[in-house]
Amino acid sequence: MGLKISKANESSGYINDITKIKHPATIKPTVAGFDIYINNKKIDNENETYPLLIYKDITYFPMTWRFGVDEFGWDYKYTNDAGLQINSRY
């Protein structure tokens, strides 16, 4: 089946992970090898500059301009004072 992600007219707040779990050094992330569709377009994850990764059975999505701005329509920026801010253009 793979992974399908599409932009939508919805937003959500950030939930901070306050756990203090130390992750073992022996578990390494791997490039996701299943079919991935972004806005109904199949991507070639193996050849992406910053591919989606799998780490401890969780899929991690790269925070790149290509995906965030071009595909999902986000407006995001980082400042030392406020940290990372992501806003939808909707």
Protein backbone atom coordinates (compact mmCIF):
# COMPACT_ATOMS: atom_id res chain seq x y z
CA MET A 1 0.00 0.00 0.00
CA GLY A 2 2.68 2.54 0.89
CA LEU A 3 2.20 6.10 2.13
CA LYS A 4 -0.10 8.78 0.68
CA ILE A 5 0.04 12.37 1.90
CA SER A 6 -2.01 15.23 0.45
CA LYS A 7 -2.36 18.85 1.44
CA ALA A 8 -5.67 19.83 3.00
CA ASN A 9 -7.36 22.89 4.42
CA GLU A 10 -6.63 21.86 8.00
CA SER A 11 -4.08 22.80 10.62
CA SER A 12 -2.88 21.53 13.95
CA GLY A 13 -0.85 22.79 16.86
CA TYR A 14 2.55 21.50 17.85
CA ILE A 15 2.77 18.94 20.64
CA ASN A 16 6.12 18.98 22.38
CA ASP A 17 7.69 15.62 23.19
CA ILE A 18 8.92 15.98 26.76
CA THR A 19 10.12 12.40 27.20
CA LYS A 20 13.73 11.89 28.18
CA ILE A 21 14.23 8.56 26.41
CA LYS A 22 17.79 7.89 25.26
CA HIS A 23 17.74 6.07 21.94
CA PRO A 24 20.19 3.23 21.42
CA ALA A 25 23.09 3.94 19.07
CA THR A 26 22.71 0.53 17.41
CA ILE A 27 19.44 1.38 15.64
CA LYS A 28 20.10 3.22 12.38
CA PRO A 29 17.55 5.06 10.22
CA THR A 30 16.86 3.61 6.78
CA VAL A 31 15.48 5.13 3.59
CA ALA A 32 11.78 4.29 3.23
CA GLY A 33 11.53 1.63 0.52
CA PHE A 34 7.77 1.55 -0.01
CA ASP A 35 5.63 3.51 -2.49
CA ILE A 36 5.18 7.16 -1.46
CA TYR A 37 2.66 9.54 -2.99
CA ILE A 38 2.66 13.29 -2.30
CA ASN A 39 -0.46 15.06 -3.59
CA ASN A 40 -1.22 12.01 -5.75
CA LYS A 41 2.24 12.07 -7.38
CA LYS A 42 4.56 9.12 -6.81
CA ILE A 43 8.00 10.22 -5.67
CA ASP A 44 11.25 8.37 -6.27
CA ASN A 45 12.34 8.33 -2.63
CA GLU A 46 15.59 6.48 -3.35
CA ASN A 47 16.75 9.41 -5.51
CA GLU A 48 15.46 12.29 -3.36
CA THR A 49 18.19 14.59 -2.03
CA TYR A 50 16.49 14.32 1.38
CA PRO A 51 14.43 11.11 1.39
CA LEU A 52 11.77 10.01 3.84
CA LEU A 53 13.37 7.86 6.52
CA ILE A 54 12.25 5.05 8.81
CA TYR A 55 13.54 5.03 12.39
CA LYS A 56 12.11 2.72 15.06
CA ASP A 57 9.04 2.00 12.86
CA ILE A 58 8.25 5.72 12.46
CA THR A 59 8.33 7.47 9.07
CA TYR A 60 10.17 10.80 9.15
CA PHE A 61 9.37 13.43 6.55
CA PRO A 62 12.09 15.91 5.48
CA MET A 63 11.37 19.57 6.23
CA THR A 64 12.48 20.82 2.82
CA TRP A 65 11.27 23.71 0.65
CA ARG A 66 10.25 21.25 -2.05
CA PHE A 67 7.76 19.47 0.18
CA GLY A 68 6.81 22.13 2.72
CA VAL A 69 6.32 25.10 0.40
CA ASP A 70 5.90 23.67 -3.10
CA GLU A 71 3.74 20.65 -2.21
CA PHE A 72 1.94 21.61 1.02
CA GLY A 73 1.78 25.41 0.75
CA TRP A 74 3.41 26.10 4.12
CA ASP A 75 5.01 29.35 5.13
CA TYR A 76 7.78 28.53 7.55
CA LYS A 77 10.75 30.26 9.09
CA TYR A 78 13.23 29.88 11.91
CA THR A 79 14.49 32.50 14.32
CA ASN A 80 16.65 32.08 17.41
CA ASP A 81 13.98 33.81 19.51
CA ALA A 82 10.86 31.95 18.35
CA GLY A 83 12.33 28.73 16.94
CA LEU A 84 10.67 27.00 13.98
CA GLN A 85 7.31 28.45 12.96
CA ILE A 86 5.11 26.70 10.38
CA ASN A 87 1.92 28.30 9.10
CA SER A 88 -0.46 27.10 6.42
CA ARG A 89 -1.33 29.56 3.67
CA TYR A 90 -4.99 28.57 4.06
